[in-house]
Amino acid sequence: MAVLSFPAFKSALFPRTRLLGLDLGEKTIGLALSDTLLTIATPMETLKRGTFTADAAKLEEIIAGHGVGGLVIGLPLNMDGSEGPSAQSARAFARNFAARSPLPVALCDERLSTAAVTRTLLEADASRKRRAALVDKMAAAYILQGALDRMRHLGEK
């Protein structure tokens, strides 16, 4: 399936399936999972990045094991809204995954997600080591929650 706009993405989802949120980093992929009502995003785990094929295979295992019906991938735009190398890499990952999967895929602006999560962890007095262990999956949950809120707002119009 193709990478979809949010209205098309929402329409393509099957009822009672979960969404998987991804925060793509150079070395890791943070994962978050929604509930089946698509209201709450929960941090799940952080995967070490490998080749695209290996990463996609791990994601497909997780998708099958958790009843996932769609993917929300963070799009790291620059503060002015332009796209740099990281955004181009996220788009390529989304396109490549969509080409091998029947699941709908959407990209979601992730500007300031890591900063917001880091600030929350600092306020919680988390140690540097604890922050490093949590930041990627919490950023994925932040991105996914934004997408869930956006989809809910689409339904209210």
Protein backbone atom coordinates (compact mmCIF):
# COMPACT_ATOMS: atom_id res chain seq x y z
CA MET A 1 0.00 0.00 0.00
CA ALA A 2 1.12 3.59 -0.48
CA VAL A 3 2.03 6.21 2.10
CA LEU A 4 -1.29 7.98 2.72
CA SER A 5 -2.57 11.37 3.84
CA PHE A 6 -4.25 11.36 7.26
CA PRO A 7 -7.86 11.32 5.97
CA ALA A 8 -7.05 8.46 3.57
CA PHE A 9 -5.06 6.67 6.28
CA LYS A 10 -7.97 6.88 8.73
CA SER A 11 -10.37 5.55 6.08
CA ALA A 12 -8.06 2.63 5.24
CA LEU A 13 -7.91 1.29 8.82
CA PHE A 14 -9.89 -1.75 9.84
CA PRO A 15 -11.92 -1.43 13.07
CA ARG A 16 -10.36 -2.66 16.32
CA THR A 17 -6.81 -2.79 15.03
CA ARG A 18 -3.90 -1.05 16.69
CA LEU A 19 -1.46 1.44 15.25
CA LEU A 20 2.28 1.12 15.57
CA GLY A 21 4.21 4.38 15.91
CA LEU A 22 7.84 4.60 14.81
CA ASP A 23 10.50 7.13 15.74
CA LEU A 24 13.28 6.39 13.25
CA GLY A 25 16.76 7.24 14.44
CA GLU A 26 20.10 6.53 12.86
CA LYS A 27 20.90 3.77 15.36
CA THR A 28 17.50 2.85 16.84
CA ILE A 29 13.79 2.70 16.12
CA GLY A 30 11.50 3.70 18.96
CA LEU A 31 8.17 1.89 18.94
CA ALA A 32 4.81 2.74 20.47
CA LEU A 33 1.49 0.91 20.28
CA SER A 34 -2.04 2.27 20.40
CA ASP A 35 -5.06 0.66 21.98
CA THR A 36 -7.74 -0.82 19.70
CA LEU A 37 -9.98 2.23 20.19
CA LEU A 38 -7.18 4.44 18.81
CA THR A 39 -7.20 6.77 21.79
CA ILE A 40 -3.98 6.14 23.76
CA ALA A 41 -0.39 5.59 22.63
CA THR A 42 1.89 3.58 24.90
CA PRO A 43 5.69 3.36 24.62
CA MET A 44 6.62 -0.18 23.64
CA GLU A 45 10.31 -0.84 22.97
CA THR A 46 13.42 0.35 21.17
CA LEU A 47 14.96 -1.70 18.38
CA LYS A 48 18.56 -1.50 17.20
CA ARG A 49 18.69 -0.50 13.54
CA GLY A 50 20.15 -2.88 11.00
CA THR A 51 19.52 -3.20 7.31
CA PHE A 52 16.11 -2.17 6.01
CA THR A 53 15.26 -5.82 5.32
CA ALA A 54 16.13 -6.88 8.88
CA ASP A 55 14.29 -3.90 10.40
CA ALA A 56 11.19 -4.58 8.28
CA ALA A 57 11.22 -8.27 9.26
CA LYS A 58 11.31 -7.35 12.98
CA LEU A 59 8.47 -4.88 12.46
CA GLU A 60 6.41 -7.49 10.61
CA GLU A 61 6.80 -9.88 13.56
CA ILE A 62 5.60 -7.18 15.96
CA ILE A 63 2.73 -6.25 13.64
CA ALA A 64 1.55 -9.86 13.45
CA GLY A 65 1.87 -10.38 17.19
CA HIS A 66 -0.08 -7.27 18.23
CA GLY A 67 -2.89 -6.98 15.70
CA VAL A 68 -1.48 -3.84 14.11
CA GLY A 69 -3.55 -2.35 11.29
CA GLY A 70 -1.40 0.64 10.32
CA LEU A 71 1.92 2.42 10.83
CA VAL A 72 2.55 6.02 11.81
CA ILE A 73 6.12 7.05 11.07
CA GLY A 74 7.64 10.23 12.47
CA LEU A 75 8.75 12.74 9.85
CA PRO A 76 11.63 14.84 11.24
CA LEU A 77 11.05 18.18 9.51
CA ASN A 78 13.30 21.15 10.10
CA MET A 79 11.86 23.90 12.28
CA ASP A 80 11.00 25.95 9.17
CA GLY A 81 9.05 23.00 7.74
CA SER A 82 11.65 22.08 5.14
CA GLU A 83 12.99 18.57 4.72
CA GLY A 84 16.58 17.60 5.36
CA PRO A 85 18.38 14.26 5.06
CA SER A 86 16.58 12.75 8.09
CA ALA A 87 13.15 13.52 6.64
CA GLN A 88 14.19 12.11 3.27
CA SER A 89 15.39 8.95 5.04
CA ALA A 90 12.06 8.62 6.91
CA ARG A 91 10.14 9.06 3.63
CA ALA A 92 12.28 6.39 1.97
CA PHE A 93 11.72 3.99 4.89
CA ALA A 94 7.95 4.62 4.73
CA ARG A 95 7.86 4.10 0.94
CA ASN A 96 9.94 0.92 1.14
CA PHE A 97 7.85 -0.52 3.96
CA ALA A 98 4.59 0.39 2.21
CA ALA A 99 5.82 -1.39 -0.92
CA ARG A 100 6.21 -4.68 0.96
CA SER A 101 3.18 -4.47 3.28
CA PRO A 102 -0.60 -4.27 2.80
CA LEU A 103 -0.86 -1.99 5.84
CA PRO A 104 -1.61 1.71 5.45
CA VAL A 105 1.30 3.98 6.36
CA ALA A 106 1.16 7.67 7.33
CA LEU A 107 3.90 10.18 8.08
CA CYS A 108 3.47 12.50 11.05
CA ASP A 109 5.42 15.70 11.76
CA GLU A 110 7.66 14.95 14.72
CA ARG A 111 9.27 18.36 15.28
CA LEU A 112 10.19 18.81 18.96
CA SER A 113 9.04 15.30 19.97
CA THR A 114 12.44 14.31 21.37
CA ALA A 115 12.84 17.70 23.07
CA ALA A 116 9.39 17.39 24.70
CA VAL A 117 10.09 13.86 25.91
CA THR A 118 13.55 14.79 27.20
CA ARG A 119 12.08 17.75 29.10
CA THR A 120 9.46 15.45 30.67
CA LEU A 121 12.16 12.98 31.71
CA LEU A 122 14.31 15.75 33.16
CA GLU A 123 11.32 17.02 35.15
CA ALA A 124 10.85 13.47 36.43
CA ASP A 125 14.51 13.55 37.54
CA ALA A 126 15.40 10.56 35.36
CA SER A 127 19.12 9.79 35.22
CA ARG A 128 21.01 10.24 31.96
CA LYS A 129 21.19 6.45 31.56
CA ARG A 130 17.43 6.09 32.18
CA ARG A 131 16.65 8.92 29.73
CA ALA A 132 18.76 7.24 27.05
CA ALA A 133 16.86 3.98 27.57
CA LEU A 134 13.43 5.63 27.35
CA VAL A 135 13.65 8.58 24.97
CA ASP A 136 13.17 6.75 21.64
CA LYS A 137 10.11 4.73 22.60
CA MET A 138 8.61 7.70 24.44
CA ALA A 139 9.19 9.88 21.36
CA ALA A 140 7.40 7.22 19.30
CA ALA A 141 4.47 7.40 21.74
CA TYR A 142 4.47 11.21 21.50
CA ILE A 143 4.35 11.00 17.68
CA LEU A 144 1.66 8.30 17.71
CA GLN A 145 -0.46 10.20 20.24
CA GLY A 146 -0.31 13.26 18.01
CA ALA A 147 -1.53 11.15 15.09
CA LEU A 148 -4.34 9.62 17.18
CA ASP A 149 -5.46 13.08 18.30
CA ARG A 150 -5.34 14.34 14.72
CA MET A 151 -7.45 11.42 13.46
CA ARG A 152 -9.99 11.95 16.25
CA HIS A 153 -10.19 15.62 15.24
CA LEU A 154 -10.79 14.60 11.60
CA GLY A 155 -13.86 12.67 12.78
CA GLU A 156 -15.31 15.72 14.55
CA LYS A 157 -15.55 17.84 11.40
